[in-house]
């Protein structure tokens, strides 16, 4: 198999584990993908960028600022509004004319945009009913995988790989008792925590 949307490559994993043969390649690929999805769950977001743009809908709670999922590229970005609450998004907004992407310097910092801000005293349509008022088509995710997310993935894959030969987490015996692996994911959670996205219900 191949790694799908992984935060480390097979060659990076093998170098990290000092593995030179190909005997465990399939297992390592599976573990890398599993580790990457675990990081997604801890962070409550994902760090890979969609290949193609897709549409998502949002309800307006603030007429000036609209919080959205991570937008990693302006390629294919289209923002439309439903001005009369009929479920048809008839008005297309123009970037840097009708709205800005925030944070303003996200792209230079290798981070995604997470907010749309209206310009020139215009507003997003206030809901007339329960229908979402804004449709955003974008490539979702992060523009690039952060270095520490890559490192967290390598550490987690290494832990998973060691555990396959350590039933119950026991790696050996000593005079004072069994030698156990540290709790899985403890370091990973700490590394990913600064990236965690909080969602207010």
Protein backbone atom coordinates (compact mmCIF):
# COMPACT_ATOMS: atom_id res chain seq x y z
CA UNK A 1 0.00 0.00 0.00
CA UNK A 2 0.97 3.64 -0.26
CA UNK A 3 0.67 6.23 2.49
CA UNK A 4 -2.35 8.46 1.96
CA UNK A 5 -2.05 11.99 3.36
CA UNK A 6 0.66 10.96 5.79
CA UNK A 7 2.75 13.38 7.83
CA UNK A 8 5.95 11.46 7.15
CA UNK A 9 7.22 9.52 4.15
CA UNK A 10 8.24 5.89 4.23
CA UNK A 11 11.87 6.87 3.68
CA UNK A 12 11.72 9.28 6.65
CA UNK A 13 10.23 6.58 8.87
CA UNK A 14 12.84 4.00 7.86
CA UNK A 15 15.67 6.47 8.43
CA UNK A 16 14.23 7.36 11.86
CA UNK A 17 14.08 3.66 12.81
CA UNK A 18 17.43 2.83 11.14
CA UNK A 19 15.77 0.27 8.88
CA UNK A 20 17.47 -0.43 5.54
CA UNK A 21 15.52 -3.42 4.18
CA UNK A 22 12.01 -3.53 2.76
CA UNK A 23 10.62 -6.37 4.88
CA UNK A 24 8.38 -4.14 7.01
CA UNK A 25 7.46 -1.53 4.41
CA UNK A 26 3.76 -2.38 4.30
CA UNK A 27 3.46 -2.39 8.09
CA UNK A 28 5.33 0.92 8.35
CA UNK A 29 3.07 2.50 5.74
CA UNK A 30 -0.03 1.36 7.63
CA UNK A 31 1.37 2.68 10.90
CA UNK A 32 2.34 6.02 9.33
CA UNK A 33 -1.17 6.53 8.00
CA UNK A 34 -2.69 5.48 11.35
CA UNK A 35 -0.34 7.82 13.24
CA UNK A 36 -1.25 10.70 10.94
CA UNK A 37 -4.99 10.19 11.49
CA UNK A 38 -4.40 9.97 15.26
CA UNK A 39 -2.68 13.37 15.13
CA UNK A 40 -5.70 14.74 13.22
CA UNK A 41 -7.99 13.61 16.03
CA UNK A 42 -5.79 15.11 18.75
CA UNK A 43 -5.54 18.43 16.91
CA UNK A 44 -9.18 18.47 15.80
CA UNK A 45 -7.91 19.49 12.35
CA UNK A 46 -5.80 18.02 9.56
CA UNK A 47 -2.47 19.15 8.20
CA UNK A 48 -2.62 17.96 4.59
CA UNK A 49 -4.01 20.05 1.75
CA UNK A 50 -6.83 18.88 -0.50
CA UNK A 51 -5.88 18.21 -4.09
CA UNK A 52 -9.15 19.70 -5.35
CA UNK A 53 -11.38 22.46 -4.03
CA UNK A 54 -14.73 21.47 -2.53
CA UNK A 55 -17.70 23.43 -1.16
CA UNK A 56 -18.70 23.79 2.49
CA UNK A 57 -21.60 25.72 4.00
CA UNK A 58 -21.57 28.11 6.98
CA UNK A 59 -24.19 29.87 9.07
CA UNK A 60 -23.50 33.53 9.77
CA UNK A 61 -23.24 34.45 13.45
CA UNK A 62 -21.32 37.70 12.91
CA UNK A 63 -22.10 39.88 9.87
CA UNK A 64 -18.49 41.09 9.59
CA UNK A 65 -16.37 38.03 10.48
CA UNK A 66 -17.02 34.44 9.41
CA UNK A 67 -14.95 31.66 10.97
CA UNK A 68 -14.30 28.81 8.56
CA UNK A 69 -12.35 25.56 8.40
CA UNK A 70 -8.65 25.75 7.53
CA UNK A 71 -8.13 27.18 4.03
CA UNK A 72 -4.67 26.26 2.75
CA UNK A 73 -4.68 27.89 -0.69
CA UNK A 74 -6.43 30.61 -2.65
CA UNK A 75 -6.39 28.38 -5.74
CA UNK A 76 -10.00 27.51 -6.52
CA UNK A 77 -11.30 29.74 -3.72
CA UNK A 78 -14.89 30.91 -4.30
CA UNK A 79 -17.12 32.59 -1.72
CA UNK A 80 -20.84 32.93 -2.41
CA UNK A 81 -23.73 34.24 -0.31
CA UNK A 82 -27.42 33.39 -0.14
CA UNK A 83 -28.96 36.83 0.19
CA UNK A 84 -32.63 35.84 0.51
CA UNK A 85 -32.42 32.56 2.44
CA UNK A 86 -33.72 30.35 -0.38
CA UNK A 87 -30.74 27.97 -0.48
CA UNK A 88 -29.34 29.44 -3.71
CA UNK A 89 -25.96 31.15 -3.48
CA UNK A 90 -26.43 33.85 -6.07
CA UNK A 91 -23.82 36.45 -5.09
CA UNK A 92 -20.11 35.76 -5.63
CA UNK A 93 -17.73 37.81 -3.47
CA UNK A 94 -14.32 38.99 -4.68
CA UNK A 95 -11.23 38.41 -2.56
CA UNK A 96 -9.55 41.66 -1.39
CA UNK A 97 -12.50 43.66 -2.68
CA UNK A 98 -15.48 42.27 -0.80
CA UNK A 99 -13.59 40.35 1.89
CA UNK A 100 -10.14 39.55 3.30
CA UNK A 101 -8.66 36.29 4.46
CA UNK A 102 -7.45 36.27 8.07
CA UNK A 103 -5.02 35.95 9.74
CA UNK A 104 -3.48 38.35 7.24
CA UNK A 105 0.04 36.85 7.37
CA UNK A 106 -0.99 33.20 7.61
CA UNK A 107 0.39 32.28 4.20
CA UNK A 108 3.85 33.71 4.94
CA UNK A 109 3.92 31.71 8.18
CA UNK A 110 2.93 28.45 6.50
CA UNK A 111 -0.42 28.42 8.29
CA UNK A 112 -3.99 28.34 6.97
CA UNK A 113 -6.56 31.11 6.84
CA UNK A 114 -9.42 30.56 9.29
CA UNK A 115 -11.61 33.64 8.90
CA UNK A 116 -13.30 35.76 6.23
CA UNK A 117 -13.66 39.46 7.03
CA UNK A 118 -16.00 41.76 5.06
CA UNK A 119 -14.74 45.07 3.67
CA UNK A 120 -16.23 48.51 3.04
CA UNK A 121 -19.03 48.17 5.58
CA UNK A 122 -20.62 45.28 3.67
CA UNK A 123 -21.97 42.36 5.70
CA UNK A 124 -22.53 38.66 5.40
CA UNK A 125 -26.27 37.96 5.14
CA UNK A 126 -27.88 37.56 8.56
CA UNK A 127 -29.89 34.30 8.61
CA UNK A 128 -33.51 34.71 7.60
CA UNK A 129 -34.15 31.09 8.55
CA UNK A 130 -32.06 28.07 9.48
CA UNK A 131 -30.33 27.83 6.10
CA UNK A 132 -26.56 28.47 5.99
CA UNK A 133 -25.94 31.83 4.35
CA UNK A 134 -22.42 31.37 2.95
CA UNK A 135 -20.89 28.78 0.65
CA UNK A 136 -17.11 28.56 0.55
CA UNK A 137 -15.32 26.47 -2.07
CA UNK A 138 -11.67 25.96 -1.22
CA UNK A 139 -8.75 23.60 -0.85
CA UNK A 140 -9.09 22.71 2.81
CA UNK A 141 -6.22 21.91 5.14
CA UNK A 142 -2.74 23.31 5.78
CA UNK A 143 -0.45 24.53 2.98
CA UNK A 144 2.43 22.38 4.29
CA UNK A 145 2.92 19.93 7.15
CA UNK A 146 4.62 21.71 10.11
CA UNK A 147 8.01 20.33 11.13
CA UNK A 148 6.89 19.40 14.63
CA UNK A 149 3.84 17.55 13.26
CA UNK A 150 6.22 15.59 11.02
CA UNK A 151 8.37 14.81 14.07
CA UNK A 152 5.34 13.82 16.15
CA UNK A 153 4.32 11.41 13.40
CA UNK A 154 7.78 9.80 13.35
CA UNK A 155 7.78 9.37 17.14
CA UNK A 156 4.32 7.81 17.12
CA UNK A 157 5.19 5.42 14.28
CA UNK A 158 8.32 4.36 16.17
CA UNK A 159 6.22 3.68 19.28
CA UNK A 160 3.71 1.66 17.29
CA UNK A 161 6.46 -0.32 15.58
CA UNK A 162 8.12 -1.21 18.89
CA UNK A 163 4.79 -2.27 20.41
CA UNK A 164 4.16 -4.94 17.80
CA UNK A 165 6.92 -7.00 19.44
CA UNK A 166 6.05 -5.95 23.02
CA UNK A 167 2.84 -7.70 24.18
CA UNK A 168 1.21 -5.65 26.91
CA UNK A 169 3.85 -2.99 26.42
CA UNK A 170 6.53 -5.16 28.08
CA UNK A 171 9.89 -5.01 26.29
CA UNK A 172 11.90 -7.09 28.73
CA UNK A 173 12.50 -8.26 32.27
CA UNK A 174 14.94 -6.99 34.87
CA UNK A 175 15.79 -7.84 38.45
CA UNK A 176 13.26 -5.32 39.73
CA UNK A 177 10.49 -6.43 37.39
CA UNK A 178 9.29 -5.89 33.84
CA UNK A 179 10.49 -3.08 31.59
CA UNK A 180 7.56 -1.34 29.94
CA UNK A 181 7.21 1.16 27.16
CA UNK A 182 6.07 4.63 28.16
CA UNK A 183 2.34 5.39 27.72
CA UNK A 184 1.50 5.62 24.04
CA UNK A 185 0.99 9.12 22.73
CA UNK A 186 1.96 11.12 25.84
CA UNK A 187 4.70 13.07 24.06
CA UNK A 188 2.61 13.29 20.90
CA UNK A 189 -0.29 14.97 22.69
CA UNK A 190 2.06 17.59 24.11
CA UNK A 191 3.60 18.30 20.70
CA UNK A 192 0.25 18.58 18.94
CA UNK A 193 -1.52 20.58 21.67
CA UNK A 194 -0.40 24.03 20.39
CA UNK A 195 -2.12 23.22 17.08
CA UNK A 196 -5.38 22.02 18.59
CA UNK A 197 -8.40 23.76 17.14
CA UNK A 198 -11.15 24.53 19.62
CA UNK A 199 -14.65 24.46 18.23
CA UNK A 200 -17.44 26.29 20.08
CA UNK A 201 -20.78 24.57 19.72
